[in-house]
Amino acid sequence: MIAGGYDRGLDYTALGEYLAKNQVKTVILFEPSGNRIWEAVEAAFAEGYGEPGRIKKLMVESMHQAVFLASEETESGKICLLSPASASFGRFKNYKDRGEQFRKEVQRLK
């Protein structure tokens, strides 16, 4: 899963619990909210949701880096989801730009 971006102070507790107790193996995170998302995952593990250490965390600074790492980390036949849970401000012009950069980087993999 690729997530993170501009931090608007949202509560990521439910997201952390969901990630901790489901099948997500790797989270690829954009700062600054990526740090808070990861803190929510760690808190969920501490609360007994899922097995601590089961999810791999990768921090990135560009969509190119995020998609490349996703291609390396995602097993054949599995899915990598772009689900930012955060605003696009700062790193991207807007949500359309973020989605377009994701699409272009996936196309470059071919």
Foldseek 3Di string as FASTA:
>chain_A
DEAEADCPPDQLLVVLLVCQQDDAQEYEYEPDCSVVNVVSVVVNVVVPRHDPPRHHYHYDQDLLVVVVVCVVPADPPGDDDHDHVDWHPPSAPGPVRVVVRNVVSVVVVD
